[in-house]
Structures are given as C-alpha cells and as structure tokens.
Amino acid sequence: SNLNQAFTDISVGDSPIDSTDRARYQAQLFEIETLKTQLENSPNRSQ
C-alpha cells in the first residue's frame, strides 16, 4: 500500500515527479505486480 501510494504524491524536495519518470516507474511497478501474481497463483511445489 505504501509503494502504491508513493507513486501518487512522490516528490524530490519541492519538485514533483515528471511524467516520463512516472511512466517508467509505473511500468516497473506493473512488472513487479505481474511477477508477484505469477508466484502466488502458479506454484510449482514439486520442486
């Protein structure tokens, strides 16, 4: 929840995050959430 909230109101000093960085971080966050979903929903316990 803290990580998701960080993308909405993040800033460095008094400068808000620009759109390019926001899109890049959103893509990273989407990748991480996808990996987490795959780990949780398709376990391979035989290993």
All heavy atoms as atom14 arrays in JSON, in Angstrom:
{
  "sequence": "SNLNQAFTDISVGDSPIDSTDRARYQAQLFEIETLKTQLENSPNRSQ",
  "atom14_mask": [
    [1, 1, 1, 1, 1, 1, 0, 0, 0, 0, 0, 0, 0, 0],
    [1, 1, 1, 1, 1, 1, 1, 1, 0, 0, 0, 0, 0, 0],
    [1, 1, 1, 1, 1, 1, 1, 1, 0, 0, 0, 0, 0, 0],
    [1, 1, 1, 1, 1, 1, 1, 1, 0, 0, 0, 0, 0, 0],
    [1, 1, 1, 1, 1, 1, 1, 1, 1, 0, 0, 0, 0, 0],
    [1, 1, 1, 1, 1, 0, 0, 0, 0, 0, 0, 0, 0, 0],
    [1, 1, 1, 1, 1, 1, 1, 1, 1, 1, 1, 0, 0, 0],
    [1, 1, 1, 1, 1, 1, 1, 0, 0, 0, 0, 0, 0, 0],
    [1, 1, 1, 1, 1, 1, 1, 1, 0, 0, 0, 0, 0, 0],
    [1, 1, 1, 1, 1, 1, 1, 1, 0, 0, 0, 0, 0, 0],
    [1, 1, 1, 1, 1, 1, 0, 0, 0, 0, 0, 0, 0, 0],
    [1, 1, 1, 1, 1, 1, 1, 0, 0, 0, 0, 0, 0, 0],
    [1, 1, 1, 1, 0, 0, 0, 0, 0, 0, 0, 0, 0, 0],
    [1, 1, 1, 1, 1, 1, 1, 1, 0, 0, 0, 0, 0, 0],
    [1, 1, 1, 1, 1, 1, 0, 0, 0, 0, 0, 0, 0, 0],
    [1, 1, 1, 1, 1, 1, 1, 0, 0, 0, 0, 0, 0, 0],
    [1, 1, 1, 1, 1, 1, 1, 1, 0, 0, 0, 0, 0, 0],
    [1, 1, 1, 1, 1, 1, 1, 1, 0, 0, 0, 0, 0, 0],
    [1, 1, 1, 1, 1, 1, 0, 0, 0, 0, 0, 0, 0, 0],
    [1, 1, 1, 1, 1, 1, 1, 0, 0, 0, 0, 0, 0, 0],
    [1, 1, 1, 1, 1, 1, 1, 1, 0, 0, 0, 0, 0, 0],
    [1, 1, 1, 1, 1, 1, 1, 1, 1, 1, 1, 0, 0, 0],
    [1, 1, 1, 1, 1, 0, 0, 0, 0, 0, 0, 0, 0, 0],
    [1, 1, 1, 1, 1, 1, 1, 1, 1, 1, 1, 0, 0, 0],
    [1, 1, 1, 1, 1, 1, 1, 1, 1, 1, 1, 1, 0, 0],
    [1, 1, 1, 1, 1, 1, 1, 1, 1, 0, 0, 0, 0, 0],
    [1, 1, 1, 1, 1, 0, 0, 0, 0, 0, 0, 0, 0, 0],
    [1, 1, 1, 1, 1, 1, 1, 1, 1, 0, 0, 0, 0, 0],
    [1, 1, 1, 1, 1, 1, 1, 1, 0, 0, 0, 0, 0, 0],
    [1, 1, 1, 1, 1, 1, 1, 1, 1, 1, 1, 0, 0, 0],
    [1, 1, 1, 1, 1, 1, 1, 1, 1, 0, 0, 0, 0, 0],
    [1, 1, 1, 1, 1, 1, 1, 1, 0, 0, 0, 0, 0, 0],
    [1, 1, 1, 1, 1, 1, 1, 1, 1, 0, 0, 0, 0, 0],
    [1, 1, 1, 1, 1, 1, 1, 0, 0, 0, 0, 0, 0, 0],
    [1, 1, 1, 1, 1, 1, 1, 1, 0, 0, 0, 0, 0, 0],
    [1, 1, 1, 1, 1, 1, 1, 1, 1, 0, 0, 0, 0, 0],
    [1, 1, 1, 1, 1, 1, 1, 0, 0, 0, 0, 0, 0, 0],
    [1, 1, 1, 1, 1, 1, 1, 1, 1, 0, 0, 0, 0, 0],
    [1, 1, 1, 1, 1, 1, 1, 1, 0, 0, 0, 0, 0, 0],
    [1, 1, 1, 1, 1, 1, 1, 1, 1, 0, 0, 0, 0, 0],
    [1, 1, 1, 1, 1, 1, 1, 1, 0, 0, 0, 0, 0, 0],
    [1, 1, 1, 1, 1, 1, 0, 0, 0, 0, 0, 0, 0, 0],
    [1, 1, 1, 1, 1, 1, 1, 0, 0, 0, 0, 0, 0, 0],
    [1, 1, 1, 1, 1, 1, 1, 1, 0, 0, 0, 0, 0, 0],
    [1, 1, 1, 1, 1, 1, 1, 1, 1, 1, 1, 0, 0, 0],
    [1, 1, 1, 1, 1, 1, 0, 0, 0, 0, 0, 0, 0, 0],
    [1, 1, 1, 1, 1, 1, 1, 1, 1, 0, 0, 0, 0, 0]
  ],
  "atom14_positions": [
    [[0.83, -1.21, 0.0], [0.0, 0.0, 0.0], [0.87, 1.26, 0.0], [0.59, 2.23, -0.7], [-0.93, 0.0, 1.21], [-1.78, -1.12, 1.2], [0.0, 0.0, 0.0], [0.0, 0.0, 0.0], [0.0, 0.0, 0.0], [0.0, 0.0, 0.0], [0.0, 0.0, 0.0], [0.0, 0.0, 0.0], [0.0, 0.0, 0.0], [0.0, 0.0, 0.0]],
    [[1.95, 1.22, 0.78], [2.87, 2.37, 0.81], [3.54, 2.58, -0.54], [3.75, 3.73, -0.97], [3.93, 2.15, 1.89], [3.35, 2.14, 3.28], [2.27, 2.69, 3.52], [4.05, 1.53, 4.22], [0.0, 0.0, 0.0], [0.0, 0.0, 0.0], [0.0, 0.0, 0.0], [0.0, 0.0, 0.0], [0.0, 0.0, 0.0], [0.0, 0.0, 0.0]],
    [[3.87, 1.47, -1.21], [4.52, 1.59, -2.51], [3.57, 2.19, -3.55], [3.95, 3.06, -4.34], [5.01, 0.21, -2.97], [5.81, 0.18, -4.29], [7.07, 1.02, -4.19], [6.16, -1.26, -4.67], [0.0, 0.0, 0.0], [0.0, 0.0, 0.0], [0.0, 0.0, 0.0], [0.0, 0.0, 0.0], [0.0, 0.0, 0.0], [0.0, 0.0, 0.0]],
    [[2.34, 1.74, -3.54], [1.35, 2.29, -4.48], [1.06, 3.76, -4.19], [0.91, 4.58, -5.11], [0.05, 1.48, -4.42], [0.18, 0.14, -5.12], [0.51, 0.08, -6.29], [-0.07, -0.95, -4.41], [0.0, 0.0, 0.0], [0.0, 0.0, 0.0], [0.0, 0.0, 0.0], [0.0, 0.0, 0.0], [0.0, 0.0, 0.0], [0.0, 0.0, 0.0]],
    [[1.0, 4.09, -2.91], [0.74, 5.47, -2.53], [1.9, 6.38, -2.91], [1.72, 7.57, -3.21], [0.48, 5.55, -1.02], [0.15, 6.93, -0.49], [-1.16, 7.45, -1.05], [-2.05, 6.67, -1.38], [-1.28, 8.77, -1.16], [0.0, 0.0, 0.0], [0.0, 0.0, 0.0], [0.0, 0.0, 0.0], [0.0, 0.0, 0.0], [0.0, 0.0, 0.0]],
    [[3.11, 5.81, -2.94], [4.29, 6.62, -3.24], [4.26, 7.18, -4.65], [4.86, 8.24, -4.92], [5.56, 5.79, -3.04], [0.0, 0.0, 0.0], [0.0, 0.0, 0.0], [0.0, 0.0, 0.0], [0.0, 0.0, 0.0], [0.0, 0.0, 0.0], [0.0, 0.0, 0.0], [0.0, 0.0, 0.0], [0.0, 0.0, 0.0], [0.0, 0.0, 0.0]],
    [[3.56, 6.51, -5.57], [3.53, 6.98, -6.95], [2.55, 8.12, -7.15], [2.58, 8.79, -8.18], [3.16, 5.82, -7.88], [4.26, 4.83, -8.07], [4.3, 3.69, -7.31], [5.27, 5.06, -8.99], [5.32, 2.77, -7.46], [6.29, 4.14, -9.15], [6.33, 3.0, -8.38], [0.0, 0.0, 0.0], [0.0, 0.0, 0.0], [0.0, 0.0, 0.0]],
    [[1.69, 8.37, -6.21], [0.69, 9.43, -6.37], [1.16, 10.76, -5.82], [0.77, 11.82, -6.35], [-0.61, 9.01, -5.68], [-0.38, 8.82, -4.28], [-1.15, 7.72, -6.28], [0.0, 0.0, 0.0], [0.0, 0.0, 0.0], [0.0, 0.0, 0.0], [0.0, 0.0, 0.0], [0.0, 0.0, 0.0], [0.0, 0.0, 0.0], [0.0, 0.0, 0.0]],
    [[1.95, 10.73, -4.78], [2.31, 12.01, -4.16], [3.81, 12.13, -3.93], [4.26, 12.83, -3.02], [1.58, 12.17, -2.82], [1.81, 10.99, -1.89], [2.56, 10.06, -2.27], [1.24, 10.99, -0.78], [0.0, 0.0, 0.0], [0.0, 0.0, 0.0], [0.0, 0.0, 0.0], [0.0, 0.0, 0.0], [0.0, 0.0, 0.0], [0.0, 0.0, 0.0]],
    [[4.58, 11.43, -4.76], [6.03, 11.47, -4.55], [6.63, 12.77, -5.07], [6.12, 13.38, -6.01], [6.69, 10.27, -5.26], [8.16, 10.17, -4.86], [6.6, 10.38, -6.76], [8.78, 8.88, -5.29], [0.0, 0.0, 0.0], [0.0, 0.0, 0.0], [0.0, 0.0, 0.0], [0.0, 0.0, 0.0], [0.0, 0.0, 0.0], [0.0, 0.0, 0.0]],
    [[7.7, 13.21, -4.44], [8.41, 14.39, -4.91], [9.84, 14.34, -4.38], [10.13, 13.63, -3.42], [7.73, 15.67, -4.42], [7.75, 15.72, -3.01], [0.0, 0.0, 0.0], [0.0, 0.0, 0.0], [0.0, 0.0, 0.0], [0.0, 0.0, 0.0], [0.0, 0.0, 0.0], [0.0, 0.0, 0.0], [0.0, 0.0, 0.0], [0.0, 0.0, 0.0]],
    [[10.7, 15.06, -5.04], [12.07, 15.2, -4.58], [12.25, 16.65, -4.18], [12.3, 17.54, -5.01], [13.07, 14.81, -5.68], [14.5, 15.0, -5.18], [12.85, 13.38, -6.12], [0.0, 0.0, 0.0], [0.0, 0.0, 0.0], [0.0, 0.0, 0.0], [0.0, 0.0, 0.0], [0.0, 0.0, 0.0], [0.0, 0.0, 0.0], [0.0, 0.0, 0.0]],
    [[12.34, 16.89, -2.88], [12.35, 18.27, -2.41], [11.01, 18.9, -2.7], [9.97, 18.44, -2.27], [0.0, 0.0, 0.0], [0.0, 0.0, 0.0], [0.0, 0.0, 0.0], [0.0, 0.0, 0.0], [0.0, 0.0, 0.0], [0.0, 0.0, 0.0], [0.0, 0.0, 0.0], [0.0, 0.0, 0.0], [0.0, 0.0, 0.0], [0.0, 0.0, 0.0]],
    [[11.01, 19.97, -3.51], [9.77, 20.63, -3.9], [9.38, 20.34, -5.35], [8.41, 20.9, -5.85], [9.91, 22.16, -3.72], [10.12, 22.52, -2.25], [9.56, 21.81, -1.4], [10.84, 23.49, -1.99], [0.0, 0.0, 0.0], [0.0, 0.0, 0.0], [0.0, 0.0, 0.0], [0.0, 0.0, 0.0], [0.0, 0.0, 0.0], [0.0, 0.0, 0.0]],
    [[10.17, 19.49, -6.01], [9.9, 19.22, -7.42], [9.11, 17.94, -7.57], [9.58, 16.87, -7.16], [11.22, 19.1, -8.2], [11.98, 20.28, -8.05], [0.0, 0.0, 0.0], [0.0, 0.0, 0.0], [0.0, 0.0, 0.0], [0.0, 0.0, 0.0], [0.0, 0.0, 0.0], [0.0, 0.0, 0.0], [0.0, 0.0, 0.0], [0.0, 0.0, 0.0]],
    [[7.91, 17.98, -8.13], [7.14, 16.76, -8.32], [7.76, 15.89, -9.4], [8.53, 16.35, -10.24], [5.76, 17.28, -8.73], [6.04, 18.6, -9.35], [7.22, 19.17, -8.61], [0.0, 0.0, 0.0], [0.0, 0.0, 0.0], [0.0, 0.0, 0.0], [0.0, 0.0, 0.0], [0.0, 0.0, 0.0], [0.0, 0.0, 0.0], [0.0, 0.0, 0.0]],
    [[7.43, 14.6, -9.38], [7.96, 13.67, -10.36], [7.39, 14.0, -11.74], [6.21, 14.33, -11.87], [7.61, 12.21, -9.96], [8.26, 11.21, -10.92], [6.12, 12.0, -9.89], [8.11, 9.78, -10.47], [0.0, 0.0, 0.0], [0.0, 0.0, 0.0], [0.0, 0.0, 0.0], [0.0, 0.0, 0.0], [0.0, 0.0, 0.0], [0.0, 0.0, 0.0]],
    [[8.22, 13.96, -12.79], [7.73, 14.28, -14.12], [7.04, 13.08, -14.73], [7.11, 11.96, -14.24], [8.87, 14.79, -15.02], [9.99, 13.76, -15.15], [9.69, 12.57, -15.37], [11.17, 14.16, -15.02], [0.0, 0.0, 0.0], [0.0, 0.0, 0.0], [0.0, 0.0, 0.0], [0.0, 0.0, 0.0], [0.0, 0.0, 0.0], [0.0, 0.0, 0.0]],
    [[6.37, 13.31, -15.84], [5.54, 12.28, -16.46], [6.37, 11.12, -16.99], [5.94, 9.96, -16.95], [4.71, 12.9, -17.58], [5.57, 13.52, -18.54], [0.0, 0.0, 0.0], [0.0, 0.0, 0.0], [0.0, 0.0, 0.0], [0.0, 0.0, 0.0], [0.0, 0.0, 0.0], [0.0, 0.0, 0.0], [0.0, 0.0, 0.0], [0.0, 0.0, 0.0]],
    [[7.57, 11.42, -17.52], [8.42, 10.36, -18.05], [8.84, 9.38, -16.96], [8.73, 8.15, -17.11], [9.67, 10.95, -18.73], [9.26, 11.88, -19.74], [10.52, 9.86, -19.34], [0.0, 0.0, 0.0], [0.0, 0.0, 0.0], [0.0, 0.0, 0.0], [0.0, 0.0, 0.0], [0.0, 0.0, 0.0], [0.0, 0.0, 0.0], [0.0, 0.0, 0.0]],
    [[9.33, 9.93, -15.83], [9.72, 9.07, -14.7], [8.52, 8.33, -14.14], [8.61, 7.15, -13.77], [10.38, 9.9, -13.61], [11.79, 10.34, -13.99], [12.34, 9.76, -14.95], [12.32, 11.25, -13.33], [0.0, 0.0, 0.0], [0.0, 0.0, 0.0], [0.0, 0.0, 0.0], [0.0, 0.0, 0.0], [0.0, 0.0, 0.0], [0.0, 0.0, 0.0]],
    [[7.38, 9.01, -14.09], [6.19, 8.36, -13.56], [5.79, 7.15, -14.43], [5.47, 6.07, -13.91], [5.03, 9.35, -13.48], [3.78, 8.77, -12.81], [2.66, 9.81, -12.82], [3.04, 10.98, -12.04], [2.92, 11.06, -10.71], [2.46, 10.03, -10.04], [3.27, 12.17, -10.09], [0.0, 0.0, 0.0], [0.0, 0.0, 0.0], [0.0, 0.0, 0.0]],
    [[5.87, 7.32, -15.75], [5.54, 6.21, -16.65], [6.53, 5.06, -16.49], [6.14, 3.88, -16.5], [5.52, 6.71, -18.1], [0.0, 0.0, 0.0], [0.0, 0.0, 0.0], [0.0, 0.0, 0.0], [0.0, 0.0, 0.0], [0.0, 0.0, 0.0], [0.0, 0.0, 0.0], [0.0, 0.0, 0.0], [0.0, 0.0, 0.0], [0.0, 0.0, 0.0]],
    [[7.81, 5.41, -16.35], [8.83, 4.37, -16.18], [8.61, 3.59, -14.9], [8.67, 2.36, -14.87], [10.22, 5.01, -16.19], [11.36, 4.02, -15.94], [12.7, 4.67, -16.28], [12.9, 5.92, -15.57], [13.46, 5.98, -14.35], [13.83, 4.88, -13.72], [13.63, 7.15, -13.78], [0.0, 0.0, 0.0], [0.0, 0.0, 0.0], [0.0, 0.0, 0.0]],
    [[8.33, 4.32, -13.81], [8.1, 3.64, -12.54], [6.8, 2.85, -12.54], [6.71, 1.78, -11.94], [8.11, 4.67, -11.4], [9.48, 5.09, -10.98], [9.87, 6.43, -11.06], [10.4, 4.17, -10.52], [11.15, 6.82, -10.69], [11.68, 4.54, -10.14], [12.04, 5.88, -10.23], [13.3, 6.27, -9.85], [0.0, 0.0, 0.0], [0.0, 0.0, 0.0]],
    [[5.81, 3.36, -13.22], [4.56, 2.63, -13.33], [4.77, 1.31, -14.07], [4.18, 0.28, -13.72], [3.49, 3.47, -14.04], [2.97, 4.64, -13.23], [2.08, 4.21, -12.07], [1.8, 3.04, -11.89], [1.64, 5.17, -11.28], [0.0, 0.0, 0.0], [0.0, 0.0, 0.0], [0.0, 0.0, 0.0], [0.0, 0.0, 0.0], [0.0, 0.0, 0.0]],
    [[5.61, 1.34, -15.1], [5.93, 0.11, -15.84], [6.67, -0.88, -14.94], [6.39, -2.09, -14.96], [6.76, 0.44, -17.08], [0.0, 0.0, 0.0], [0.0, 0.0, 0.0], [0.0, 0.0, 0.0], [0.0, 0.0, 0.0], [0.0, 0.0, 0.0], [0.0, 0.0, 0.0], [0.0, 0.0, 0.0], [0.0, 0.0, 0.0], [0.0, 0.0, 0.0]],
    [[7.61, -0.39, -14.13], [8.32, -1.26, -13.21], [7.36, -1.84, -12.18], [7.44, -3.04, -11.84], [9.44, -0.48, -12.51], [10.61, -0.14, -13.41], [11.71, 0.59, -12.65], [11.49, 1.08, -11.54], [12.88, 0.68, -13.25], [0.0, 0.0, 0.0], [0.0, 0.0, 0.0], [0.0, 0.0, 0.0], [0.0, 0.0, 0.0], [0.0, 0.0, 0.0]],
    [[6.47, -1.02, -11.68], [5.52, -1.49, -10.69], [4.59, -2.55, -11.29], [4.28, -3.56, -10.64], [4.7, -0.32, -10.15], [3.67, -0.67, -9.07], [4.35, -1.24, -7.85], [2.85, 0.57, -8.7], [0.0, 0.0, 0.0], [0.0, 0.0, 0.0], [0.0, 0.0, 0.0], [0.0, 0.0, 0.0], [0.0, 0.0, 0.0], [0.0, 0.0, 0.0]],
    [[4.17, -2.34, -12.54], [3.31, -3.32, -13.21], [4.05, -4.65, -13.38], [3.47, -5.73, -13.18], [2.86, -2.78, -14.56], [2.03, -3.75, -15.35], [0.7, -3.97, -15.03], [2.6, -4.45, -16.42], [-0.06, -4.88, -15.76], [1.85, -5.35, -17.15], [0.51, -5.56, -16.81], [0.0, 0.0, 0.0], [0.0, 0.0, 0.0], [0.0, 0.0, 0.0]],
    [[5.34, -4.58, -13.75], [6.14, -5.8, -13.9], [6.25, -6.54, -12.58], [6.11, -7.77, -12.52], [7.53, -5.44, -14.43], [8.45, -6.66, -14.57], [9.89, -6.25, -14.89], [10.15, -5.03, -14.97], [10.72, -7.15, -15.05], [0.0, 0.0, 0.0], [0.0, 0.0, 0.0], [0.0, 0.0, 0.0], [0.0, 0.0, 0.0], [0.0, 0.0, 0.0]],
    [[6.5, -5.8, -11.5], [6.65, -6.42, -10.19], [5.34, -7.06, -9.74], [5.32, -8.19, -9.22], [7.12, -5.37, -9.16], [8.55, -4.93, -9.49], [7.05, -5.92, -7.75], [9.04, -3.78, -8.66], [0.0, 0.0, 0.0], [0.0, 0.0, 0.0], [0.0, 0.0, 0.0], [0.0, 0.0, 0.0], [0.0, 0.0, 0.0], [0.0, 0.0, 0.0]],
    [[4.23, -6.37, -9.94], [2.93, -6.93, -9.56], [2.6, -8.17, -10.38], [2.01, -9.13, -9.87], [1.85, -5.87, -9.73], [1.93, -4.75, -8.7], [0.87, -3.7, -8.93], [0.37, -3.59, -10.09], [0.52, -2.98, -7.97], [0.0, 0.0, 0.0], [0.0, 0.0, 0.0], [0.0, 0.0, 0.0], [0.0, 0.0, 0.0], [0.0, 0.0, 0.0]],
    [[2.99, -8.17, -11.66], [2.75, -9.34, -12.5], [3.55, -10.54, -12.01], [3.03, -11.66, -11.92], [3.13, -9.03, -13.96], [2.38, -7.89, -14.42], [2.86, -10.21, -14.86], [0.0, 0.0, 0.0], [0.0, 0.0, 0.0], [0.0, 0.0, 0.0], [0.0, 0.0, 0.0], [0.0, 0.0, 0.0], [0.0, 0.0, 0.0], [0.0, 0.0, 0.0]],
    [[4.84, -10.3, -11.68], [5.67, -11.39, -11.15], [5.11, -11.92, -9.84], [5.08, -13.14, -9.61], [7.1, -10.89, -10.96], [7.9, -10.58, -12.24], [9.2, -9.88, -11.89], [8.17, -11.86, -13.01], [0.0, 0.0, 0.0], [0.0, 0.0, 0.0], [0.0, 0.0, 0.0], [0.0, 0.0, 0.0], [0.0, 0.0, 0.0], [0.0, 0.0, 0.0]],
    [[4.67, -11.02, -8.98], [4.11, -11.44, -7.7], [2.85, -12.28, -7.91], [2.65, -13.3, -7.24], [3.79, -10.21, -6.85], [3.2, -10.5, -5.48], [3.03, -9.21, -4.7], [2.44, -9.46, -3.31], [1.05, -9.94, -3.38], [0.0, 0.0, 0.0], [0.0, 0.0, 0.0], [0.0, 0.0, 0.0], [0.0, 0.0, 0.0], [0.0, 0.0, 0.0]],
    [[2.0, -11.89, -8.86], [0.78, -12.65, -9.14], [1.11, -14.03, -9.67], [0.48, -15.03, -9.28], [-0.08, -11.88, -10.16], [-0.38, -10.58, -9.65], [-1.38, -12.62, -10.44], [0.0, 0.0, 0.0], [0.0, 0.0, 0.0], [0.0, 0.0, 0.0], [0.0, 0.0, 0.0], [0.0, 0.0, 0.0], [0.0, 0.0, 0.0], [0.0, 0.0, 0.0]],
    [[2.12, -14.12, -10.54], [2.52, -15.42, -11.08], [3.06, -16.33, -9.97], [2.76, -17.53, -9.96], [3.58, -15.24, -12.16], [3.08, -14.57, -13.43], [4.18, -14.35, -14.44], [5.33, -14.7, -14.21], [3.84, -13.76, -15.58], [0.0, 0.0, 0.0], [0.0, 0.0, 0.0], [0.0, 0.0, 0.0], [0.0, 0.0, 0.0], [0.0, 0.0, 0.0]],
    [[3.82, -15.78, -9.05], [4.37, -16.58, -7.95], [3.26, -17.1, -7.04], [3.33, -18.23, -6.54], [5.37, -15.75, -7.15], [6.7, -15.42, -7.83], [7.51, -14.44, -6.99], [7.5, -16.69, -8.09], [0.0, 0.0, 0.0], [0.0, 0.0, 0.0], [0.0, 0.0, 0.0], [0.0, 0.0, 0.0], [0.0, 0.0, 0.0], [0.0, 0.0, 0.0]],
    [[2.26, -16.27, -6.81], [1.2, -16.65, -5.89], [0.17, -17.6, -6.52], [-0.36, -18.49, -5.85], [0.48, -15.4, -5.38], [1.34, -14.53, -4.48], [0.64, -13.25, -4.07], [-0.33, -12.85, -4.77], [1.06, -12.64, -3.07], [0.0, 0.0, 0.0], [0.0, 0.0, 0.0], [0.0, 0.0, 0.0], [0.0, 0.0, 0.0], [0.0, 0.0, 0.0]],
    [[-0.07, -17.43, -7.83], [-1.17, -18.17, -8.46], [-0.73, -19.43, -9.19], [-1.57, -20.27, -9.53], [-1.91, -17.27, -9.45], [-2.57, -16.09, -8.76], [-2.85, -16.14, -7.56], [-2.83, -15.03, -9.5], [0.0, 0.0, 0.0], [0.0, 0.0, 0.0], [0.0, 0.0, 0.0], [0.0, 0.0, 0.0], [0.0, 0.0, 0.0], [0.0, 0.0, 0.0]],
    [[0.56, -19.57, -9.46], [1.01, -20.77, -10.18], [2.22, -21.4, -9.5], [3.33, -21.42, -10.05], [1.35, -20.42, -11.63], [2.34, -19.4, -11.68], [0.0, 0.0, 0.0], [0.0, 0.0, 0.0], [0.0, 0.0, 0.0], [0.0, 0.0, 0.0], [0.0, 0.0, 0.0], [0.0, 0.0, 0.0], [0.0, 0.0, 0.0], [0.0, 0.0, 0.0]],
    [[2.05, -21.88, -8.28], [3.18, -22.5, -7.57], [3.56, -23.84, -8.2], [2.73, -24.55, -8.75], [2.66, -22.69, -6.16], [1.18, -22.78, -6.31], [0.83, -21.89, -7.46], [0.0, 0.0, 0.0], [0.0, 0.0, 0.0], [0.0, 0.0, 0.0], [0.0, 0.0, 0.0], [0.0, 0.0, 0.0], [0.0, 0.0, 0.0], [0.0, 0.0, 0.0]],
    [[4.84, -24.16, -8.12], [5.36, -25.44, -8.62], [5.98, -26.18, -7.44], [7.19, -26.24, -7.28], [6.38, -25.18, -9.73], [6.89, -26.47, -10.35], [6.29, -27.54, -10.17], [7.98, -26.39, -11.08], [0.0, 0.0, 0.0], [0.0, 0.0, 0.0], [0.0, 0.0, 0.0], [0.0, 0.0, 0.0], [0.0, 0.0, 0.0], [0.0, 0.0, 0.0]],
    [[5.12, -26.73, -6.59], [5.58, -27.33, -5.35], [6.41, -28.6, -5.57], [7.08, -29.07, -4.65], [4.38, -27.67, -4.46], [3.55, -26.44, -4.07], [4.37, -25.52, -3.17], [3.66, -24.32, -2.83], [2.76, -24.23, -1.84], [2.45, -25.29, -1.14], [2.17, -23.08, -1.59], [0.0, 0.0, 0.0], [0.0, 0.0, 0.0], [0.0, 0.0, 0.0]],
    [[6.35, -29.17, -6.75], [7.12, -30.4, -6.99], [8.62, -30.16, -6.86], [9.38, -31.09, -6.52], [6.81, -30.96, -8.38], [7.16, -30.02, -9.39], [0.0, 0.0, 0.0], [0.0, 0.0, 0.0], [0.0, 0.0, 0.0], [0.0, 0.0, 0.0], [0.0, 0.0, 0.0], [0.0, 0.0, 0.0], [0.0, 0.0, 0.0], [0.0, 0.0, 0.0]],
    [[9.07, -28.94, -7.11], [10.49, -28.64, -6.97], [10.97, -28.81, -5.53], [12.12, -29.14, -5.29], [10.76, -27.21, -7.45], [10.69, -27.02, -8.95], [11.8, -27.74, -9.67], [12.9, -27.87, -9.17], [11.48, -28.23, -10.86], [0.0, 0.0, 0.0], [0.0, 0.0, 0.0], [0.0, 0.0, 0.0], [0.0, 0.0, 0.0], [0.0, 0.0, 0.0]]
  ]
}
